Amino acid sequence: MQTARLFVLAAAYGSAWLLSSCAITSPTPTASAAEAARITVLYDAFGKDATLTKDWGYAVLVEINGKRILFDTGDDSAILARNVKAKAVDLTKLDFVVLSHRHSDHVGGLPYLLSANPKVKIYAPKEGFGIFGSDLPSKFYRKDESLPAEMRYYNGAPPETMKFGTTFPGANIQLIDKTTEVAPGITLIALVSDAPGTKELKELSLAINTPDGIVLVVACSHPGIETIVAEAAKINPHIHFVAGGFHLVVAQDPAIEKAATTLHDTYKVDYIAPGHCTGEPTFAALKRVFGDGYLYAGLGTTLGVSANPRDTYDRRSANVLDESDLRSYRTLLAHSDDSSDSELKEVRLAQTE
């Protein structure tokens, strides 16, 4: 009898362990670090989850390598707040935040984030006179010692380093000026755009080196998605997973085909999960080129980034944009002007739900 009781207890314990192990694949965004690595889309202009609000912008929660990272904050604090609460994401439990670049559709939700977690470490690109704050050596400007003191900056005796304010006073912002490993296996790739309309714009991308290869999260890819992937390949030539905006929303077919082919054939990316400013024709092209390696990444989707992301991927989301998505996306795009580069341009896009 005692032996039978022990067998039953052992079986029950084994079943409980098995169930808890299976729960790793659940798309709950508040998972512990020991659970499967994943990315949850908290802000975008297309998606199937009726409990979330679509808007032009981007934000994702990245849970990987034992870290919880918020990558960008979307365009609007109120919308970010609604989406975060709907997905039961606890913003007080973040290891750090990455603000990819200065455009409002990526930093507009920062006030809400700071209200929830005012001291969280935030990485942002360093730019001269940037909205995230900056500093420059005073030798950056020419001097004329023949002028009287009252006509000279700082009476002719400027500080060695001139510090400039931020649009977000009190925030714990750490500026990144070059590609930097900020935690073991986690690197911020810092590049500068050379494209018309965004020339000299600095942008950060998030590269995580995993046993399965690089997991790369991009924001708008103003420096070029191919250029960013090339930089990530310097860390590890095996690019396992790329998610985010590819900035091909107004690109013509030849440029789209070139990007899709390069990512697939040259860099041999395993899986791709495009969103935000990637563009409808680019969604279609990437789906055609990558086939099963293409993952739908609409608002609210949780993406596994393990060796086989489809093990944790919600197959109900496996289709490309449906007609409702397309209508929402076009409406939002019609109200946007992604070709401009004003630092805090208001982009209050139509809500379509």
Protein backbone atom coordinates (compact mmCIF):
# COMPACT_ATOMS: atom_id res chain seq x y z
CA MET A 1 0.00 0.00 0.00
CA GLN A 2 2.82 2.38 0.93
CA THR A 3 4.53 1.64 -2.38
CA ALA A 4 1.32 2.35 -4.31
CA ARG A 5 0.84 5.65 -2.46
CA LEU A 6 4.39 6.71 -3.29
CA PHE A 7 3.82 5.79 -6.93
CA VAL A 8 0.67 7.92 -7.09
CA LEU A 9 2.43 10.88 -5.48
CA ALA A 10 5.34 10.55 -7.85
CA ALA A 11 3.00 10.41 -10.83
CA ALA A 12 1.11 13.48 -9.61
CA TYR A 13 4.35 15.38 -9.09
CA GLY A 14 5.54 14.37 -12.56
CA SER A 15 2.27 15.53 -14.12
CA ALA A 16 2.49 18.87 -12.34
CA TRP A 17 6.08 19.30 -13.51
CA LEU A 18 5.08 18.44 -17.08
CA LEU A 19 2.19 20.92 -17.02
CA SER A 20 4.42 23.66 -15.66
CA SER A 21 6.96 22.90 -18.36
CA CYS A 22 4.27 23.13 -21.04
CA ALA A 23 3.22 26.48 -19.61
CA ILE A 24 6.51 27.88 -20.87
CA THR A 25 4.91 28.14 -24.30
CA SER A 26 2.02 30.26 -23.03
CA PRO A 27 2.08 33.79 -24.51
CA THR A 28 1.83 35.49 -21.12
CA PRO A 29 4.08 38.57 -21.23
CA THR A 30 4.87 38.52 -17.50
CA ALA A 31 6.87 35.29 -17.59
CA SER A 32 9.93 34.73 -15.43
CA ALA A 33 13.42 34.84 -16.89
CA ALA A 34 13.65 31.03 -16.83
CA GLU A 35 10.85 30.67 -19.35
CA ALA A 36 11.04 30.74 -23.13
CA ALA A 37 12.46 33.84 -24.78
CA ARG A 38 9.81 35.93 -26.51
CA ILE A 39 8.79 39.27 -27.92
CA THR A 40 5.35 40.79 -27.31
CA VAL A 41 4.10 43.56 -29.61
CA LEU A 42 2.53 46.32 -27.50
CA TYR A 43 2.15 49.07 -30.08
CA ASP A 44 1.54 48.95 -33.84
CA ALA A 45 -1.00 49.92 -36.49
CA PHE A 46 -2.27 46.43 -37.37
CA GLY A 47 -3.32 43.41 -35.38
CA LYS A 48 -6.11 40.99 -34.53
CA ASP A 49 -6.52 41.52 -30.77
CA ALA A 50 -9.73 43.53 -30.28
CA THR A 51 -8.75 44.42 -26.70
CA LEU A 52 -5.83 46.54 -27.93
CA THR A 53 -5.80 49.93 -29.65
CA LYS A 54 -4.06 50.28 -33.00
CA ASP A 55 -1.98 53.39 -33.65
CA TRP A 56 1.01 54.35 -35.77
CA GLY A 57 4.11 53.66 -33.69
CA TYR A 58 6.11 50.82 -32.23
CA ALA A 59 6.80 49.24 -28.86
CA VAL A 60 7.67 45.66 -27.89
CA LEU A 61 8.49 43.84 -24.68
CA VAL A 62 11.57 41.63 -25.13
CA GLU A 63 12.07 38.82 -22.59
CA ILE A 64 15.35 37.09 -23.30
CA ASN A 65 18.67 36.08 -21.72
CA GLY A 66 17.13 36.63 -18.28
CA LYS A 67 16.23 40.26 -19.07
CA ARG A 68 12.96 42.14 -19.54
CA ILE A 69 13.49 45.01 -21.99
CA LEU A 70 10.98 47.54 -23.29
CA PHE A 71 12.03 48.55 -26.79
CA ASP A 72 10.41 51.92 -27.70
CA THR A 73 7.17 53.31 -26.28
CA GLY A 74 4.88 54.02 -29.22
CA ASP A 75 3.34 57.39 -30.08
CA ASP A 76 0.77 58.07 -27.36
CA SER A 77 0.92 57.56 -23.59
CA ALA A 78 -2.79 56.84 -23.22
CA ILE A 79 -2.74 54.17 -25.92
CA LEU A 80 0.42 52.58 -24.53
CA ALA A 81 -1.20 52.50 -21.09
CA ARG A 82 -4.32 50.75 -22.43
CA ASN A 83 -2.33 48.18 -24.38
CA VAL A 84 0.08 47.46 -21.54
CA LYS A 85 -2.80 46.91 -19.12
CA ALA A 86 -4.68 44.74 -21.61
CA LYS A 87 -1.61 42.50 -21.95
CA ALA A 88 -1.00 42.51 -18.16
CA VAL A 89 2.55 43.81 -18.59
CA ASP A 90 4.18 45.12 -15.42
CA LEU A 91 6.36 48.08 -16.41
CA THR A 92 7.78 48.29 -12.89
CA LYS A 93 9.69 45.08 -13.59
CA LEU A 94 12.02 46.08 -16.40
CA ASP A 95 15.78 45.68 -16.53
CA PHE A 96 16.07 48.59 -18.94
CA VAL A 97 14.41 50.47 -21.79
CA VAL A 98 15.73 51.24 -25.26
CA LEU A 99 14.56 54.33 -27.14
CA SER A 100 15.67 53.68 -30.69
CA HIS A 101 15.53 57.23 -32.04
CA ARG A 102 13.96 60.62 -31.53
CA HIS A 103 10.79 60.31 -33.65
CA SER A 104 7.57 60.81 -31.72
CA ASP A 105 5.99 57.53 -32.81
CA HIS A 106 8.71 55.76 -30.81
CA VAL A 107 9.07 58.02 -27.76
CA GLY A 108 5.55 59.44 -27.33
CA GLY A 109 4.60 56.91 -24.65
CA LEU A 110 7.58 57.76 -22.44
CA PRO A 111 5.58 59.93 -20.01
CA TYR A 112 3.40 56.93 -19.13
CA LEU A 113 6.43 54.69 -18.72
CA LEU A 114 8.06 57.22 -16.39
CA SER A 115 4.86 57.53 -14.35
CA ALA A 116 4.99 53.77 -13.77
CA ASN A 117 8.75 53.39 -13.41
CA PRO A 118 10.42 56.80 -12.99
CA LYS A 119 13.96 55.53 -12.29
CA VAL A 120 14.20 52.80 -14.93
CA LYS A 121 17.44 52.84 -16.92
CA ILE A 122 16.84 54.15 -20.44
CA TYR A 123 19.30 53.84 -23.29
CA ALA A 124 18.98 56.39 -26.10
CA PRO A 125 21.17 57.55 -28.99
CA LYS A 126 23.53 60.43 -28.34
CA GLU A 127 23.05 63.36 -30.67
CA GLY A 128 24.35 66.90 -30.49
CA PHE A 129 21.59 69.02 -28.93
CA GLY A 130 19.37 65.92 -28.92
CA ILE A 131 16.02 65.59 -27.17
CA PHE A 132 17.47 62.94 -24.85
CA GLY A 133 20.14 65.37 -23.64
CA SER A 134 23.72 65.61 -24.80
CA ASP A 135 27.11 67.20 -24.31
CA LEU A 136 29.78 68.59 -26.60
CA PRO A 137 33.34 69.77 -26.05
CA SER A 138 33.39 73.57 -26.11
CA LYS A 139 36.02 73.46 -28.83
CA PHE A 140 33.25 72.55 -31.28
CA TYR A 141 32.74 76.25 -32.09
CA ARG A 142 35.25 78.74 -33.48
CA LYS A 143 36.44 81.48 -31.15
CA ASP A 144 37.54 85.06 -31.73
CA GLU A 145 39.74 86.39 -28.94
CA SER A 146 39.71 89.90 -30.42
CA LEU A 147 36.13 90.39 -29.20
CA PRO A 148 35.38 91.96 -25.82
CA ALA A 149 34.25 89.49 -23.14
CA GLU A 150 30.62 90.60 -23.32
CA MET A 151 30.48 89.50 -26.98
CA ARG A 152 31.94 86.07 -26.35
CA TYR A 153 30.20 82.91 -25.24
CA TYR A 154 30.66 82.39 -21.51
CA ASN A 155 32.71 85.62 -21.47
CA GLY A 156 35.38 83.79 -23.42
CA ALA A 157 35.84 81.06 -20.77
CA PRO A 158 33.46 78.23 -21.68
CA PRO A 159 33.40 74.98 -19.70
CA GLU A 160 35.50 72.22 -21.21
CA THR A 161 32.33 70.18 -21.76
CA MET A 162 29.04 71.90 -22.54
CA LYS A 163 26.01 69.94 -21.31
CA PHE A 164 22.57 70.26 -22.88
CA GLY A 165 19.15 69.52 -21.44
CA THR A 166 16.60 66.84 -22.26
CA THR A 167 12.93 66.89 -23.14
CA PHE A 168 12.51 64.32 -20.36
CA PRO A 169 14.02 65.89 -17.21
CA GLY A 170 14.54 63.49 -14.34
CA ALA A 171 14.62 60.41 -16.55
CA ASN A 172 17.55 58.04 -16.04
CA ILE A 173 18.80 58.31 -19.62
CA GLN A 174 22.16 56.89 -20.63
CA LEU A 175 23.34 58.03 -24.04
CA ILE A 176 24.86 55.58 -26.52
CA ASP A 177 27.31 56.98 -29.06
CA LYS A 178 28.66 53.75 -30.56
CA THR A 179 27.76 50.08 -30.71
CA THR A 180 27.89 48.90 -27.09
CA GLU A 181 27.32 45.65 -25.20
CA VAL A 182 25.06 46.74 -22.33
CA ALA A 183 24.67 43.29 -20.72
CA PRO A 184 26.22 39.89 -21.40
CA GLY A 185 25.20 38.94 -24.93
CA ILE A 186 23.01 42.03 -25.36
CA THR A 187 24.30 44.75 -27.68
CA LEU A 188 22.92 48.08 -28.82
CA ILE A 189 23.89 48.67 -32.44
CA ALA A 190 24.34 52.41 -33.07
CA LEU A 191 24.14 53.57 -36.68
CA VAL A 192 23.43 56.83 -38.53
CA SER A 193 20.95 57.24 -41.37
CA ASP A 194 22.16 58.51 -44.72
CA ALA A 195 18.73 58.43 -46.34
CA PRO A 196 17.04 61.59 -47.67
CA GLY A 197 14.73 63.05 -45.04
CA THR A 198 16.48 61.36 -42.12
CA LYS A 199 20.12 62.11 -42.91
CA GLU A 200 22.29 62.12 -39.76
CA LEU A 201 19.49 60.58 -37.67
CA LYS A 202 21.04 58.24 -35.09
CA GLU A 203 19.22 55.00 -34.35
CA LEU A 204 19.73 52.10 -31.94
CA SER A 205 18.86 48.48 -32.69
CA LEU A 206 18.85 45.64 -30.16
CA ALA A 207 20.93 42.52 -30.88
CA ILE A 208 20.86 39.54 -28.52
CA ASN A 209 23.35 36.73 -29.04
CA THR A 210 21.69 33.41 -28.21
CA PRO A 211 22.69 29.76 -28.71
CA ASP A 212 20.39 29.79 -31.75
CA GLY A 213 21.99 32.90 -33.27
CA ILE A 214 21.31 36.63 -33.19
CA VAL A 215 17.85 37.86 -32.26
CA LEU A 216 17.63 41.36 -33.73
CA VAL A 217 14.95 43.93 -32.86
CA VAL A 218 14.83 47.01 -35.07
CA ALA A 219 12.67 50.10 -34.81
CA CYS A 220 12.46 51.95 -38.12
CA SER A 221 15.73 50.91 -39.76
CA HIS A 222 16.46 54.41 -41.02
CA PRO A 223 20.12 53.46 -41.54
CA GLY A 224 18.87 50.58 -43.74
CA ILE A 225 17.73 47.12 -42.66
CA GLU A 226 20.52 45.49 -44.67
CA THR A 227 23.12 47.72 -43.02
CA ILE A 228 21.80 46.92 -39.54
CA VAL A 229 21.79 43.18 -40.21
CA ALA A 230 25.34 43.44 -41.54
CA GLU A 231 26.42 45.03 -38.24
CA ALA A 232 24.61 42.34 -36.25
CA ALA A 233 26.41 39.68 -38.30
CA LYS A 234 29.71 41.02 -36.98
CA ILE A 235 28.62 39.81 -33.55
CA ASN A 236 27.47 36.43 -34.83
CA PRO A 237 27.08 35.62 -38.54
CA HIS A 238 24.08 33.41 -37.76
CA ILE A 239 21.07 35.78 -37.81
CA HIS A 240 18.29 33.73 -36.29
CA PHE A 241 15.41 36.18 -35.94
CA VAL A 242 14.65 39.76 -37.05
CA ALA A 243 11.62 41.71 -35.80
CA GLY A 244 10.47 45.31 -36.17
CA GLY A 245 10.10 48.05 -38.76
CA PHE A 246 12.15 47.92 -41.95
CA HIS A 247 11.36 51.44 -43.23
CA LEU A 248 10.18 50.26 -46.64
CA VAL A 249 6.66 51.62 -46.28
CA VAL A 250 6.97 53.87 -49.34
CA ALA A 251 9.68 51.87 -51.15
CA GLN A 252 9.20 50.70 -54.73
CA ASP A 253 9.20 47.03 -55.70
CA PRO A 254 12.86 46.77 -56.81
CA ALA A 255 14.10 48.07 -53.44
CA ILE A 256 11.72 45.76 -51.60
CA GLU A 257 12.81 42.72 -53.59
CA LYS A 258 16.47 43.58 -53.05
CA ALA A 259 16.00 43.84 -49.28
CA ALA A 260 13.99 40.61 -49.05
CA THR A 261 16.48 38.68 -51.18
CA THR A 262 19.49 40.03 -49.29
CA LEU A 263 18.02 39.10 -45.91
CA HIS A 264 17.09 35.62 -47.11
CA ASP A 265 19.96 34.68 -49.44
CA THR A 266 22.95 36.72 -48.27
CA TYR A 267 22.42 36.82 -44.50
CA LYS A 268 20.31 33.66 -44.40
CA VAL A 269 17.98 34.96 -41.69
CA ASP A 270 16.04 32.02 -40.20
CA TYR A 271 12.87 33.84 -39.17
CA ILE A 272 11.48 37.28 -39.85
CA ALA A 273 8.65 39.10 -38.05
CA PRO A 274 8.16 42.52 -39.70
CA GLY A 275 5.93 45.28 -38.34
CA HIS A 276 5.43 49.03 -38.10
CA CYS A 277 6.95 50.91 -41.08
CA THR A 278 7.85 47.80 -43.07
CA GLY A 279 4.96 48.43 -45.48
CA GLU A 280 2.18 46.29 -46.97
CA PRO A 281 3.98 45.37 -50.23
CA THR A 282 7.02 44.43 -48.14
CA PHE A 283 4.92 42.21 -45.88
CA ALA A 284 3.77 40.38 -49.01
CA ALA A 285 7.27 40.15 -50.49
CA LEU A 286 8.83 38.84 -47.27
CA LYS A 287 6.04 36.29 -46.86
CA ARG A 288 6.69 35.06 -50.39
CA VAL A 289 10.48 34.89 -49.96
CA PHE A 290 10.63 33.47 -46.43
CA GLY A 291 7.63 31.14 -46.53
CA ASP A 292 7.43 29.31 -43.19
CA GLY A 293 10.18 31.59 -41.89
CA TYR A 294 7.75 34.53 -41.96
CA LEU A 295 5.88 35.19 -38.69
CA TYR A 296 2.89 37.49 -38.37
CA ALA A 297 3.74 40.20 -35.81
CA GLY A 298 0.59 42.26 -35.44
CA LEU A 299 -0.35 44.21 -32.30
CA GLY A 300 -0.74 41.89 -29.31
CA THR A 301 1.17 38.98 -30.87
CA THR A 302 3.68 37.12 -28.72
CA LEU A 303 6.54 35.66 -30.72
CA GLY A 304 8.77 32.87 -29.49
CA VAL A 305 12.41 33.30 -30.50
CA SER A 306 13.74 29.83 -29.67
CA ALA A 307 15.38 27.46 -32.15
CA ASN A 308 11.95 26.89 -33.67
CA PRO A 309 9.77 29.94 -32.94
CA ARG A 310 6.71 28.13 -34.23
CA ASP A 311 6.88 25.92 -31.14
CA THR A 312 5.69 28.92 -29.12
CA TYR A 313 4.03 30.85 -31.93
CA ASP A 314 0.27 31.40 -31.95
CA ARG A 315 -0.70 29.69 -35.20
CA ARG A 316 -4.03 31.53 -35.25
CA SER A 317 -1.99 34.59 -36.19
CA ALA A 318 -0.08 32.88 -38.99
CA ASN A 319 -1.83 34.60 -41.88
CA VAL A 320 -0.68 37.83 -43.48
CA LEU A 321 -2.76 40.96 -42.93
CA ASP A 322 -6.47 40.47 -43.43
CA GLU A 323 -8.65 43.11 -45.10
CA SER A 324 -9.51 44.75 -41.76
CA ASP A 325 -5.80 45.09 -41.00
CA LEU A 326 -5.17 46.60 -44.41
CA ARG A 327 -7.92 49.21 -44.02
CA SER A 328 -6.60 50.22 -40.60
CA TYR A 329 -3.02 50.34 -41.85
CA ARG A 330 -3.89 52.54 -44.85
CA THR A 331 -5.97 54.93 -42.74
CA LEU A 332 -3.11 55.37 -40.28
CA LEU A 333 -0.54 55.73 -43.03
CA ALA A 334 -2.60 58.44 -44.72
CA HIS A 335 -2.27 60.56 -41.59
CA SER A 336 1.46 60.03 -41.21
CA ASP A 337 4.44 61.72 -42.86
CA ASP A 338 7.39 59.40 -42.36
CA SER A 339 9.56 61.36 -44.78
CA SER A 340 9.89 64.34 -42.42
CA ASP A 341 12.44 64.54 -39.61
CA SER A 342 11.07 67.11 -37.18
CA GLU A 343 12.16 66.08 -33.71
CA LEU A 344 8.86 65.91 -31.87
CA LYS A 345 6.29 66.14 -34.64
CA GLU A 346 2.79 65.33 -33.38
CA VAL A 347 1.42 62.25 -35.10
CA ARG A 348 -2.01 61.71 -33.67
CA LEU A 349 -3.35 59.06 -36.02
CA ALA A 350 -6.95 57.93 -36.48
CA GLN A 351 -8.13 55.17 -34.18
CA THR A 352 -9.89 52.54 -36.25
CA GLU A 353 -11.31 50.13 -33.75
